[in-house]
Amino acid sequence: MAVAKSEVVSVRVEPHIKAALQSAADCEMRSLANMVEVMVVSYCRAKGYPLEGVPDETLPNTNLRGSAT
C-alpha cells in the first residue's frame, strides 16, 4: 500500500510568534513542523472539528490546556 506524500503549507508569522512556536517545539523535543501538526490536531479535537483521515490513535492525548474532551 502506497503512503500518501505530505503536503506543504507555508505561512508567514511575526518573529515573536515563530519564536514562541520554536520554544514550544524545543520544550516538546519536536520539529517545528511536527509541533504545528500537534497543535492543529489538538485544536480540532478540542473544538470538535472533523479530522478526516486521522485515526483516533494518532497523536493521542493532544488536547489544549483547559479544554474538556
Protein backbone atom coordinates (compact mmCIF):
# COMPACT_ATOMS: atom_id res chain seq x y z
CA MET A 1 0.00 0.00 0.00
CA ALA A 2 1.44 3.37 -1.01
CA VAL A 3 1.81 6.08 1.59
CA ALA A 4 0.49 9.49 0.58
CA LYS A 5 3.04 12.27 0.41
CA SER A 6 2.72 15.02 2.94
CA GLU A 7 1.52 18.45 1.85
CA VAL A 8 3.49 21.69 2.12
CA VAL A 9 1.87 24.60 3.92
CA SER A 10 3.67 27.93 4.04
CA VAL A 11 2.60 30.61 6.48
CA ARG A 12 4.04 33.98 7.33
CA VAL A 13 4.04 34.95 11.02
CA GLU A 14 5.55 37.69 13.14
CA PRO A 15 9.01 36.89 14.54
CA HIS A 16 7.73 36.67 18.14
CA ILE A 17 5.10 34.10 17.09
CA LYS A 18 7.75 31.99 15.38
CA ALA A 19 9.99 32.27 18.45
CA ALA A 20 7.15 31.11 20.70
CA LEU A 21 6.41 28.20 18.38
CA GLN A 22 10.08 27.23 18.26
CA SER A 23 10.27 27.43 22.05
CA ALA A 24 7.26 25.14 22.39
CA ALA A 25 8.74 22.72 19.86
CA ASP A 26 12.06 22.69 21.71
CA CYS A 27 10.36 22.01 25.04
CA GLU A 28 8.42 19.12 23.49
CA MET A 29 11.52 17.84 21.63
CA ARG A 30 9.66 18.16 18.32
CA SER A 31 10.42 19.74 14.99
CA LEU A 32 8.68 22.99 14.15
CA ALA A 33 6.53 21.21 11.54
CA ASN A 34 5.55 18.44 13.96
CA MET A 35 4.68 20.98 16.67
CA VAL A 36 2.32 22.75 14.25
CA GLU A 37 0.74 19.41 13.35
CA VAL A 38 0.21 18.53 17.02
CA MET A 39 -1.29 21.97 17.70
CA VAL A 40 -3.70 21.70 14.75
CA VAL A 41 -4.84 18.21 15.77
CA SER A 42 -5.26 19.36 19.37
CA TYR A 43 -7.26 22.42 18.35
CA CYS A 44 -9.52 20.47 16.01
CA ARG A 45 -10.20 17.81 18.65
CA ALA A 46 -10.91 20.42 21.33
CA LYS A 47 -13.33 22.30 19.05
CA GLY A 48 -14.96 19.20 17.56
CA TYR A 49 -13.77 19.80 14.01
CA PRO A 50 -13.56 16.65 11.89
CA LEU A 51 -10.15 15.15 11.29
CA GLU A 52 -10.86 13.00 8.25
CA GLY A 53 -8.08 10.54 7.61
CA VAL A 54 -6.55 10.99 11.07
CA PRO A 55 -7.10 7.86 13.17
CA ASP A 56 -8.10 8.39 16.80
CA GLU A 57 -4.87 6.74 17.93
CA THR A 58 -2.79 9.31 16.03
CA LEU A 59 -1.37 11.85 18.46
CA PRO A 60 -3.48 10.66 21.40
CA ASN A 61 -3.88 12.95 24.40
CA THR A 62 -3.44 16.08 22.31
CA ASN A 63 -5.92 18.37 23.99
CA LEU A 64 -5.35 22.04 24.62
CA ARG A 65 -4.99 23.07 28.24
CA GLY A 66 -8.32 23.84 29.79
CA SER A 67 -10.36 22.08 27.10
CA ALA A 68 -12.85 19.48 28.21
CA THR A 69 -12.95 16.48 25.87
